[in-house]
PDB file of all heavy atoms in Angstrom:
ATOM      1  N   GLY A   1      19.237 -42.300  -0.406  1.00  0.00           N
ATOM      2  CA  GLY A   1      18.618 -43.458  -1.024  1.00  0.00           C
ATOM      3  C   GLY A   1      17.993 -43.111  -2.368  1.00  0.00           C
ATOM      4  O   GLY A   1      17.673 -41.961  -2.653  1.00  0.00           O
ATOM      5  N   VAL A   2      17.844 -44.117  -3.215  1.00  0.00           N
ATOM      6  CA  VAL A   2      17.215 -43.957  -4.530  1.00  0.00           C
ATOM      7  C   VAL A   2      16.054 -44.931  -4.611  1.00  0.00           C
ATOM      8  O   VAL A   2      16.181 -46.104  -4.234  1.00  0.00           O
ATOM      9  CB  VAL A   2      18.218 -44.214  -5.675  1.00  0.00           C
ATOM     10  CG1 VAL A   2      17.526 -44.141  -7.029  1.00  0.00           C
ATOM     11  CG2 VAL A   2      19.366 -43.222  -5.608  1.00  0.00           C
ATOM     12  N   SER A   3      14.918 -44.448  -5.100  1.00  0.00           N
ATOM     13  CA  SER A   3      13.690 -45.257  -5.064  1.00  0.00           C
ATOM     14  C   SER A   3      13.581 -46.198  -6.254  1.00  0.00           C
ATOM     15  O   SER A   3      12.639 -46.132  -7.028  1.00  0.00           O
ATOM     16  CB  SER A   3      12.463 -44.341  -5.031  1.00  0.00           C
ATOM     17  OG  SER A   3      12.406 -43.575  -6.222  1.00  0.00           O
ATOM     18  N   ASN A   4      14.553 -47.063  -6.404  1.00  0.00           N
ATOM     19  CA  ASN A   4      14.409 -48.164  -7.353  1.00  0.00           C
ATOM     20  C   ASN A   4      15.242 -49.338  -6.837  1.00  0.00           C
ATOM     21  O   ASN A   4      16.136 -49.152  -6.005  1.00  0.00           O
ATOM     22  CB  ASN A   4      14.809 -47.755  -8.779  1.00  0.00           C
ATOM     23  CG  ASN A   4      16.271 -47.365  -8.894  1.00  0.00           C
ATOM     24  OD1 ASN A   4      17.158 -48.116  -8.495  1.00  0.00           O
ATOM     25  ND2 ASN A   4      16.534 -46.187  -9.419  1.00  0.00           N
ATOM     26  N   PRO A   5      14.949 -50.549  -7.276  1.00  0.00           N
ATOM     27  CA  PRO A   5      15.612 -51.733  -6.709  1.00  0.00           C
ATOM     28  C   PRO A   5      17.129 -51.715  -6.810  1.00  0.00           C
ATOM     29  O   PRO A   5      17.819 -52.228  -5.929  1.00  0.00           O
ATOM     30  CB  PRO A   5      15.013 -52.890  -7.534  1.00  0.00           C
ATOM     31  CG  PRO A   5      13.700 -52.370  -8.007  1.00  0.00           C
ATOM     32  CD  PRO A   5      13.908 -50.907  -8.246  1.00  0.00           C
ATOM     33  N   LEU A   6      17.666 -51.101  -7.874  1.00  0.00           N
ATOM     34  CA  LEU A   6      19.119 -51.086  -8.055  1.00  0.00           C
ATOM     35  C   LEU A   6      19.798 -49.984  -7.242  1.00  0.00           C
ATOM     36  O   LEU A   6      21.013 -50.020  -7.038  1.00  0.00           O
ATOM     37  CB  LEU A   6      19.460 -50.917  -9.545  1.00  0.00           C
ATOM     38  CG  LEU A   6      19.000 -52.048 -10.468  1.00  0.00           C
ATOM     39  CD1 LEU A   6      19.358 -51.717 -11.908  1.00  0.00           C
ATOM     40  CD2 LEU A   6      19.656 -53.360 -10.056  1.00  0.00           C
ATOM     41  N   GLY A   7      19.026 -49.005  -6.808  1.00  0.00           N
ATOM     42  CA  GLY A   7      19.603 -47.919  -6.029  1.00  0.00           C
ATOM     43  C   GLY A   7      20.499 -47.004  -6.830  1.00  0.00           C
ATOM     44  O   GLY A   7      21.413 -46.376  -6.280  1.00  0.00           O
ATOM     45  N   ILE A   8      20.245 -46.910  -8.121  1.00  0.00           N
ATOM     46  CA  ILE A   8      21.079 -46.071  -8.971  1.00  0.00           C
ATOM     47  C   ILE A   8      20.219 -45.419 -10.045  1.00  0.00           C
ATOM     48  O   ILE A   8      19.252 -46.013 -10.530  1.00  0.00           O
ATOM     49  CB  ILE A   8      22.227 -46.897  -9.608  1.00  0.00           C
ATOM     50  CG1 ILE A   8      23.269 -45.986 -10.242  1.00  0.00           C
ATOM     51  CG2 ILE A   8      21.675 -47.902 -10.618  1.00  0.00           C
ATOM     52  CD1 ILE A   8      24.533 -46.719 -10.618  1.00  0.00           C
ATOM     53  N   MET A   9      20.564 -44.185 -10.390  1.00  0.00           N
ATOM     54  CA  MET A   9      19.826 -43.458 -11.412  1.00  0.00           C
ATOM     55  C   MET A   9      20.615 -43.445 -12.713  1.00  0.00           C
ATOM     56  O   MET A   9      21.784 -43.844 -12.755  1.00  0.00           O
ATOM     57  CB  MET A   9      19.563 -42.018 -10.944  1.00  0.00           C
ATOM     58  CG  MET A   9      18.746 -41.919  -9.665  1.00  0.00           C
ATOM     59  SD  MET A   9      18.252 -40.222  -9.249  1.00  0.00           S
ATOM     60  CE  MET A   9      19.805 -39.478  -8.786  1.00  0.00           C
ATOM     61  N   SER A  10      19.984 -42.982 -13.785  1.00  0.00           N
ATOM     62  CA  SER A  10      20.683 -42.867 -15.058  1.00  0.00           C
ATOM     63  C   SER A  10      21.813 -41.851 -14.944  1.00  0.00           C
ATOM     64  O   SER A  10      21.831 -40.992 -14.047  1.00  0.00           O
ATOM     65  CB  SER A  10      19.712 -42.458 -16.168  1.00  0.00           C
ATOM     66  OG  SER A  10      19.088 -41.230 -15.846  1.00  0.00           O
ATOM     67  N   GLU A  11      22.749 -41.927 -15.845  1.00  0.00           N
ATOM     68  CA  GLU A  11      23.989 -41.155 -15.721  1.00  0.00           C
ATOM     69  C   GLU A  11      23.761 -39.654 -15.712  1.00  0.00           C
ATOM     70  O   GLU A  11      24.461 -38.920 -15.023  1.00  0.00           O
ATOM     71  CB  GLU A  11      24.947 -41.528 -16.864  1.00  0.00           C
ATOM     72  CG  GLU A  11      26.323 -40.899 -16.728  1.00  0.00           C
ATOM     73  CD  GLU A  11      27.324 -41.502 -17.691  1.00  0.00           C
ATOM     74  OE1 GLU A  11      27.025 -42.540 -18.308  1.00  0.00           O
ATOM     75  OE2 GLU A  11      28.417 -40.938 -17.823  1.00  0.00           O
ATOM     76  N   ASP A  12      22.788 -39.172 -16.476  1.00  0.00           N
ATOM     77  CA  ASP A  12      22.570 -37.732 -16.578  1.00  0.00           C
ATOM     78  C   ASP A  12      21.484 -37.228 -15.620  1.00  0.00           C
ATOM     79  O   ASP A  12      21.014 -36.104 -15.743  1.00  0.00           O
ATOM     80  CB  ASP A  12      22.203 -37.353 -18.011  1.00  0.00           C
ATOM     81  CG  ASP A  12      20.975 -38.093 -18.522  1.00  0.00           C
ATOM     82  OD1 ASP A  12      20.500 -39.005 -17.815  1.00  0.00           O
ATOM     83  OD2 ASP A  12      20.490 -37.765 -19.619  1.00  0.00           O
ATOM     84  N   ALA A  13      21.083 -38.041 -14.645  1.00  0.00           N
ATOM     85  CA  ALA A  13      20.012 -37.650 -13.729  1.00  0.00           C
ATOM     86  C   ALA A  13      20.507 -36.831 -12.540  1.00  0.00           C
ATOM     87  O   ALA A  13      19.710 -36.399 -11.712  1.00  0.00           O
ATOM     88  CB  ALA A  13      19.275 -38.884 -13.216  1.00  0.00           C
ATOM     89  N   SER A  14      21.825 -36.614 -12.442  1.00  0.00           N
ATOM     90  CA  SER A  14      22.381 -35.789 -11.370  1.00  0.00           C
ATOM     91  C   SER A  14      23.776 -35.344 -11.789  1.00  0.00           C
ATOM     92  O   SER A  14      24.311 -35.786 -12.813  1.00  0.00           O
ATOM     93  CB  SER A  14      22.449 -36.572 -10.049  1.00  0.00           C
ATOM     94  OG  SER A  14      23.416 -37.596 -10.131  1.00  0.00           O
ATOM     95  N   LEU A  15      24.357 -34.477 -10.989  1.00  0.00           N
ATOM     96  CA  LEU A  15      25.751 -34.102 -11.217  1.00  0.00           C
ATOM     97  C   LEU A  15      26.642 -35.328 -11.042  1.00  0.00           C
ATOM     98  O   LEU A  15      26.386 -36.186 -10.191  1.00  0.00           O
ATOM     99  CB  LEU A  15      26.191 -33.021 -10.222  1.00  0.00           C
ATOM    100  CG  LEU A  15      25.489 -31.659 -10.293  1.00  0.00           C
ATOM    101  CD1 LEU A  15      26.035 -30.748  -9.192  1.00  0.00           C
ATOM    102  CD2 LEU A  15      25.673 -31.003 -11.649  1.00  0.00           C
ATOM    103  N   GLN A  16      27.694 -35.403 -11.838  1.00  0.00           N
ATOM    104  CA  GLN A  16      28.680 -36.476 -11.713  1.00  0.00           C
ATOM    105  C   GLN A  16      29.980 -35.856 -11.196  1.00  0.00           C
ATOM    106  O   GLN A  16      30.626 -35.082 -11.904  1.00  0.00           O
ATOM    107  CB  GLN A  16      28.921 -37.153 -13.060  1.00  0.00           C
ATOM    108  CG  GLN A  16      27.692 -37.799 -13.678  1.00  0.00           C
ATOM    109  CD  GLN A  16      27.195 -38.967 -12.862  1.00  0.00           C
ATOM    110  OE1 GLN A  16      27.966 -39.654 -12.197  1.00  0.00           O
ATOM    111  NE2 GLN A  16      25.884 -39.205 -12.900  1.00  0.00           N
ATOM    112  N   ALA A  17      30.337 -36.155  -9.963  1.00  0.00           N
ATOM    113  CA  ALA A  17      31.544 -35.586  -9.354  1.00  0.00           C
ATOM    114  C   ALA A  17      32.705 -36.555  -9.513  1.00  0.00           C
ATOM    115  O   ALA A  17      32.653 -37.696  -9.036  1.00  0.00           O
ATOM    116  CB  ALA A  17      31.296 -35.293  -7.882  1.00  0.00           C
ATOM    117  N   GLY A  18      33.747 -36.081 -10.186  1.00  0.00           N
ATOM    118  CA  GLY A  18      34.943 -36.914 -10.329  1.00  0.00           C
ATOM    119  C   GLY A  18      35.807 -36.867  -9.083  1.00  0.00           C
ATOM    120  O   GLY A  18      36.411 -37.870  -8.701  1.00  0.00           O
ATOM    121  N   LYS A  19      35.848 -35.691  -8.434  1.00  0.00           N
ATOM    122  CA  LYS A  19      36.637 -35.525  -7.217  1.00  0.00           C
ATOM    123  C   LYS A  19      35.833 -34.724  -6.196  1.00  0.00           C
ATOM    124  O   LYS A  19      34.995 -33.903  -6.562  1.00  0.00           O
ATOM    125  CB  LYS A  19      37.956 -34.799  -7.506  1.00  0.00           C
ATOM    126  CG  LYS A  19      38.935 -35.590  -8.356  1.00  0.00           C
ATOM    127  CD  LYS A  19      40.245 -34.815  -8.534  1.00  0.00           C
ATOM    128  CE  LYS A  19      41.248 -35.608  -9.367  1.00  0.00           C
ATOM    129  NZ  LYS A  19      42.514 -34.853  -9.538  1.00  0.00           N
ATOM    130  N   VAL A  20      36.128 -34.968  -4.925  1.00  0.00           N
ATOM    131  CA  VAL A  20      35.540 -34.179  -3.844  1.00  0.00           C
ATOM    132  C   VAL A  20      36.681 -33.613  -3.001  1.00  0.00           C
ATOM    133  O   VAL A  20      37.724 -34.259  -2.836  1.00  0.00           O
ATOM    134  CB  VAL A  20      34.585 -35.014  -2.975  1.00  0.00           C
ATOM    135  CG1 VAL A  20      33.393 -35.496  -3.779  1.00  0.00           C
ATOM    136  CG2 VAL A  20      35.310 -36.196  -2.336  1.00  0.00           C
ATOM    137  N   PHE A  21      36.480 -32.402  -2.500  1.00  0.00           N
ATOM    138  CA  PHE A  21      37.505 -31.729  -1.715  1.00  0.00           C
ATOM    139  C   PHE A  21      36.936 -31.461  -0.323  1.00  0.00           C
ATOM    140  O   PHE A  21      36.283 -30.446  -0.089  1.00  0.00           O
ATOM    141  CB  PHE A  21      37.931 -30.428  -2.400  1.00  0.00           C
ATOM    142  CG  PHE A  21      38.400 -30.639  -3.821  1.00  0.00           C
ATOM    143  CD1 PHE A  21      37.512 -30.513  -4.895  1.00  0.00           C
ATOM    144  CD2 PHE A  21      39.713 -30.990  -4.089  1.00  0.00           C
ATOM    145  CE1 PHE A  21      37.929 -30.721  -6.195  1.00  0.00           C
ATOM    146  CE2 PHE A  21      40.150 -31.202  -5.388  1.00  0.00           C
ATOM    147  CZ  PHE A  21      39.255 -31.066  -6.452  1.00  0.00           C
ATOM    148  N   LEU A  22      37.172 -32.403   0.571  1.00  0.00           N
ATOM    149  CA  LEU A  22      36.569 -32.375   1.894  1.00  0.00           C
ATOM    150  C   LEU A  22      37.318 -31.426   2.837  1.00  0.00           C
ATOM    151  O   LEU A  22      38.469 -31.053   2.570  1.00  0.00           O
ATOM    152  CB  LEU A  22      36.561 -33.784   2.485  1.00  0.00           C
ATOM    153  CG  LEU A  22      35.779 -34.836   1.691  1.00  0.00           C
ATOM    154  CD1 LEU A  22      35.887 -36.196   2.366  1.00  0.00           C
ATOM    155  CD2 LEU A  22      34.325 -34.442   1.532  1.00  0.00           C
ATOM    156  N   PRO A  23      36.679 -31.045   3.948  1.00  0.00           N
ATOM    157  CA  PRO A  23      37.358 -30.203   4.939  1.00  0.00           C
ATOM    158  C   PRO A  23      38.549 -30.934   5.569  1.00  0.00           C
ATOM    159  O   PRO A  23      38.809 -32.115   5.310  1.00  0.00           O
ATOM    160  CB  PRO A  23      36.254 -29.935   5.971  1.00  0.00           C
ATOM    161  CG  PRO A  23      34.974 -30.166   5.247  1.00  0.00           C
ATOM    162  CD  PRO A  23      35.261 -31.252   4.269  1.00  0.00           C
ATOM    163  N   ALA A  24      39.248 -30.220   6.440  1.00  0.00           N
ATOM    164  CA  ALA A  24      40.427 -30.777   7.115  1.00  0.00           C
ATOM    165  C   ALA A  24      40.079 -32.079   7.833  1.00  0.00           C
ATOM    166  O   ALA A  24      38.993 -32.230   8.405  1.00  0.00           O
ATOM    167  CB  ALA A  24      40.988 -29.758   8.108  1.00  0.00           C
ATOM    168  N   LYS A  25      41.008 -33.035   7.799  1.00  0.00           N
ATOM    169  CA  LYS A  25      40.766 -34.365   8.355  1.00  0.00           C
ATOM    170  C   LYS A  25      40.321 -34.330   9.810  1.00  0.00           C
ATOM    171  O   LYS A  25      39.411 -35.057  10.211  1.00  0.00           O
ATOM    172  CB  LYS A  25      42.047 -35.196   8.237  1.00  0.00           C
ATOM    173  CG  LYS A  25      42.240 -35.877   6.904  1.00  0.00           C
ATOM    174  CD  LYS A  25      41.326 -37.087   6.809  1.00  0.00           C
ATOM    175  CE  LYS A  25      41.608 -37.869   5.517  1.00  0.00           C
ATOM    176  NZ  LYS A  25      40.672 -39.013   5.395  1.00  0.00           N
ATOM    177  N   LYS A  26      40.945 -33.494  10.610  1.00  0.00           N
ATOM    178  CA  LYS A  26      40.611 -33.461  12.031  1.00  0.00           C
ATOM    179  C   LYS A  26      39.166 -33.016  12.267  1.00  0.00           C
ATOM    180  O   LYS A  26      38.571 -33.374  13.291  1.00  0.00           O
ATOM    181  CB  LYS A  26      41.571 -32.526  12.765  1.00  0.00           C
ATOM    182  CG  LYS A  26      42.994 -33.056  12.871  1.00  0.00           C
ATOM    183  CD  LYS A  26      43.870 -32.113  13.690  1.00  0.00           C
ATOM    184  CE  LYS A  26      45.291 -32.682  13.834  1.00  0.00           C
ATOM    185  NZ  LYS A  26      46.156 -31.771  14.638  1.00  0.00           N
ATOM    186  N   LEU A  27      38.632 -32.243  11.328  1.00  0.00           N
ATOM    187  CA  LEU A  27      37.258 -31.762  11.489  1.00  0.00           C
ATOM    188  C   LEU A  27      36.235 -32.850  11.176  1.00  0.00           C
ATOM    189  O   LEU A  27      35.046 -32.684  11.446  1.00  0.00           O
ATOM    190  CB  LEU A  27      37.011 -30.548  10.592  1.00  0.00           C
ATOM    191  CG  LEU A  27      37.956 -29.363  10.786  1.00  0.00           C
ATOM    192  CD1 LEU A  27      37.573 -28.218   9.848  1.00  0.00           C
ATOM    193  CD2 LEU A  27      37.946 -28.886  12.238  1.00  0.00           C
ATOM    194  N   LEU A  28      36.702 -33.963  10.600  1.00  0.00           N
ATOM    195  CA  LEU A  28      35.798 -35.042  10.201  1.00  0.00           C
ATOM    196  C   LEU A  28      35.760 -36.191  11.202  1.00  0.00           C
ATOM    197  O   LEU A  28      35.009 -37.160  11.012  1.00  0.00           O
ATOM    198  CB  LEU A  28      36.211 -35.579   8.825  1.00  0.00           C
ATOM    199  CG  LEU A  28      36.319 -34.532   7.699  1.00  0.00           C
ATOM    200  CD1 LEU A  28      36.786 -35.197   6.410  1.00  0.00           C
ATOM    201  CD2 LEU A  28      34.998 -33.824   7.496  1.00  0.00           C
ATOM    202  N   ILE A  29      36.550 -36.075  12.262  1.00  0.00           N
ATOM    203  CA  ILE A  29      36.659 -37.178  13.220  1.00  0.00           C
ATOM    204  C   ILE A  29      35.304 -37.517  13.831  1.00  0.00           C
ATOM    205  O   ILE A  29      34.945 -38.698  13.994  1.00  0.00           O
ATOM    206  CB  ILE A  29      37.675 -36.820  14.331  1.00  0.00           C
ATOM    207  CG1 ILE A  29      39.077 -36.706  13.727  1.00  0.00           C
ATOM    208  CG2 ILE A  29      37.647 -37.865  15.434  1.00  0.00           C
ATOM    209  CD1 ILE A  29      40.125 -36.235  14.730  1.00  0.00           C
ATOM    210  N   HIS A  30      34.527 -36.507  14.168  1.00  0.00           N
ATOM    211  CA  HIS A  30      33.253 -36.726  14.846  1.00  0.00           C
ATOM    212  C   HIS A  30      32.067 -36.764  13.871  1.00  0.00           C
ATOM    213  O   HIS A  30      30.917 -36.579  14.295  1.00  0.00           O
ATOM    214  CB  HIS A  30      33.047 -35.647  15.909  1.00  0.00           C
ATOM    215  CG  HIS A  30      34.118 -35.637  16.961  1.00  0.00           C
ATOM    216  ND1 HIS A  30      34.207 -36.610  17.939  1.00  0.00           N
ATOM    217  CD2 HIS A  30      35.166 -34.786  17.165  1.00  0.00           C
ATOM    218  CE1 HIS A  30      35.248 -36.353  18.706  1.00  0.00           C
ATOM    219  NE2 HIS A  30      35.849 -35.251  18.277  1.00  0.00           N
ATOM    220  N   LYS A  31      32.365 -36.973  12.618  1.00  0.00           N
ATOM    221  CA  LYS A  31      31.351 -37.187  11.575  1.00  0.00           C
ATOM    222  C   LYS A  31      30.301 -36.068  11.502  1.00  0.00           C
ATOM    223  O   LYS A  31      29.094 -36.314  11.703  1.00  0.00           O
ATOM    224  CB  LYS A  31      30.649 -38.533  11.760  1.00  0.00           C
ATOM    225  CG  LYS A  31      31.589 -39.720  11.705  1.00  0.00           C
ATOM    226  CD  LYS A  31      30.850 -41.026  11.733  1.00  0.00           C
ATOM    227  CE  LYS A  31      31.801 -42.215  11.738  1.00  0.00           C
ATOM    228  NZ  LYS A  31      32.752 -42.224  10.612  1.00  0.00           N
ATOM    229  N   PRO A  32      30.727 -34.850  11.221  1.00  0.00           N
ATOM    230  CA  PRO A  32      29.732 -33.781  11.014  1.00  0.00           C
ATOM    231  C   PRO A  32      28.986 -34.016   9.707  1.00  0.00           C
ATOM    232  O   PRO A  32      29.437 -34.792   8.839  1.00  0.00           O
ATOM    233  CB  PRO A  32      30.596 -32.520  10.945  1.00  0.00           C
ATOM    234  CG  PRO A  32      31.896 -33.010  10.389  1.00  0.00           C
ATOM    235  CD  PRO A  32      32.100 -34.372  10.984  1.00  0.00           C
ATOM    236  N   HIS A  33      27.857 -33.369   9.555  1.00  0.00           N
ATOM    237  CA  HIS A  33      27.135 -33.449   8.292  1.00  0.00           C
ATOM    238  C   HIS A  33      27.943 -32.733   7.211  1.00  0.00           C
ATOM    239  O   HIS A  33      28.497 -31.646   7.434  1.00  0.00           O
ATOM    240  CB  HIS A  33      25.761 -32.789   8.428  1.00  0.00           C
ATOM    241  CG  HIS A  33      24.890 -33.429   9.459  1.00  0.00           C
ATOM    242  ND1 HIS A  33      24.186 -34.593   9.228  1.00  0.00           N
ATOM    243  CD2 HIS A  33      24.608 -33.073  10.739  1.00  0.00           C
ATOM    244  CE1 HIS A  33      23.508 -34.929  10.309  1.00  0.00           C
ATOM    245  NE2 HIS A  33      23.743 -34.023  11.251  1.00  0.00           N
ATOM    246  N   LEU A  34      27.994 -33.345   6.041  1.00  0.00           N
ATOM    247  CA  LEU A  34      28.752 -32.783   4.921  1.00  0.00           C
ATOM    248  C   LEU A  34      27.840 -32.612   3.717  1.00  0.00           C
ATOM    249  O   LEU A  34      27.160 -33.565   3.297  1.00  0.00           O
ATOM    250  CB  LEU A  34      29.931 -33.699   4.544  1.00  0.00           C
ATOM    251  CG  LEU A  34      31.001 -33.928   5.625  1.00  0.00           C
ATOM    252  CD1 LEU A  34      31.993 -34.980   5.163  1.00  0.00           C
ATOM    253  CD2 LEU A  34      31.713 -32.620   5.946  1.00  0.00           C
ATOM    254  N   GLY A  35      27.812 -31.414   3.157  1.00  0.00           N
ATOM    255  CA  GLY A  35      26.993 -31.146   1.980  1.00  0.00           C
ATOM    256  C   GLY A  35      27.798 -30.400   0.928  1.00  0.00           C
ATOM    257  O   GLY A  35      28.569 -29.494   1.258  1.00  0.00           O
ATOM    258  N   PHE A  36      27.627 -30.790  -0.318  1.00  0.00           N
ATOM    259  CA  PHE A  36      28.402 -30.120  -1.369  1.00  0.00           C
ATOM    260  C   PHE A  36      27.778 -28.772  -1.714  1.00  0.00           C
ATOM    261  O   PHE A  36      26.588 -28.524  -1.461  1.00  0.00           O
ATOM    262  CB  PHE A  36      28.507 -30.997  -2.619  1.00  0.00           C
ATOM    263  CG  PHE A  36      27.224 -31.139  -3.401  1.00  0.00           C
ATOM    264  CD1 PHE A  36      26.901 -30.258  -4.421  1.00  0.00           C
ATOM    265  CD2 PHE A  36      26.333 -32.173  -3.118  1.00  0.00           C
ATOM    266  CE1 PHE A  36      25.738 -30.391  -5.147  1.00  0.00           C
ATOM    267  CE2 PHE A  36      25.155 -32.315  -3.837  1.00  0.00           C
ATOM    268  CZ  PHE A  36      24.855 -31.424  -4.847  1.00  0.00           C
ATOM    269  N   ALA A  37      28.594 -27.912  -2.273  1.00  0.00           N
ATOM    270  CA  ALA A  37      28.142 -26.586  -2.713  1.00  0.00           C
ATOM    271  C   ALA A  37      28.521 -26.418  -4.173  1.00  0.00           C
ATOM    272  O   ALA A  37      29.701 -26.479  -4.535  1.00  0.00           O
ATOM    273  CB  ALA A  37      28.789 -25.492  -1.865  1.00  0.00           C
ATOM    274  N   TYR A  38      27.483 -26.244  -5.031  1.00  0.00           N
ATOM    275  CA  TYR A  38      27.735 -26.083  -6.467  1.00  0.00           C
ATOM    276  C   TYR A  38      26.597 -25.256  -7.057  1.00  0.00           C
ATOM    277  O   TYR A  38      25.448 -25.364  -6.609  1.00  0.00           O
ATOM    278  CB  TYR A  38      27.817 -27.449  -7.164  1.00  0.00           C
ATOM    279  CG  TYR A  38      28.437 -27.390  -8.531  1.00  0.00           C
ATOM    280  CD1 TYR A  38      29.806 -27.361  -8.688  1.00  0.00           C
ATOM    281  CD2 TYR A  38      27.634 -27.356  -9.676  1.00  0.00           C
ATOM    282  CE1 TYR A  38      30.390 -27.298  -9.952  1.00  0.00           C
ATOM    283  CE2 TYR A  38      28.199 -27.301 -10.934  1.00  0.00           C
ATOM    284  CZ  TYR A  38      29.570 -27.261 -11.069  1.00  0.00           C
ATOM    285  OH  TYR A  38      30.133 -27.189 -12.317  1.00  0.00           O
ATOM    286  N   TYR A  39      26.923 -24.436  -8.066  1.00  0.00           N
ATOM    287  CA  TYR A  39      25.932 -23.504  -8.625  1.00  0.00           C
ATOM    288  C   TYR A  39      25.902 -23.647 -10.137  1.00  0.00           C
ATOM    289  O   TYR A  39      26.940 -23.790 -10.791  1.00  0.00           O
ATOM    290  CB  TYR A  39      26.277 -22.062  -8.221  1.00  0.00           C
ATOM    291  CG  TYR A  39      26.403 -21.897  -6.729  1.00  0.00           C
ATOM    292  CD1 TYR A  39      27.648 -22.030  -6.096  1.00  0.00           C
ATOM    293  CD2 TYR A  39      25.295 -21.668  -5.938  1.00  0.00           C
ATOM    294  CE1 TYR A  39      27.770 -21.918  -4.722  1.00  0.00           C
ATOM    295  CE2 TYR A  39      25.397 -21.556  -4.556  1.00  0.00           C
ATOM    296  CZ  TYR A  39      26.635 -21.686  -3.961  1.00  0.00           C
ATOM    297  OH  TYR A  39      26.752 -21.575  -2.595  1.00  0.00           O
ATOM    298  N   THR A  40      24.690 -23.605 -10.695  1.00  0.00           N
ATOM    299  CA  THR A  40      24.513 -23.860 -12.133  1.00  0.00           C
ATOM    300  C   THR A  40      23.629 -22.791 -12.774  1.00  0.00           C
ATOM    301  O   THR A  40      22.430 -23.020 -12.984  1.00  0.00           O
ATOM    302  CB  THR A  40      23.880 -25.245 -12.348  1.00  0.00           C
ATOM    303  OG1 THR A  40      22.649 -25.301 -11.592  1.00  0.00           O
ATOM    304  CG2 THR A  40      24.791 -26.360 -11.883  1.00  0.00           C
TER     305      THR A  40
END
């Protein structure tokens, strides 16, 4: 969630991901928690 009425932040307030590369489809059937990994 974002703490403003529109629920959106300015463009440079976070990373902007054009694509995501999720785990194998079968591993997502039971909706495990998913977190991205990125280093800056």
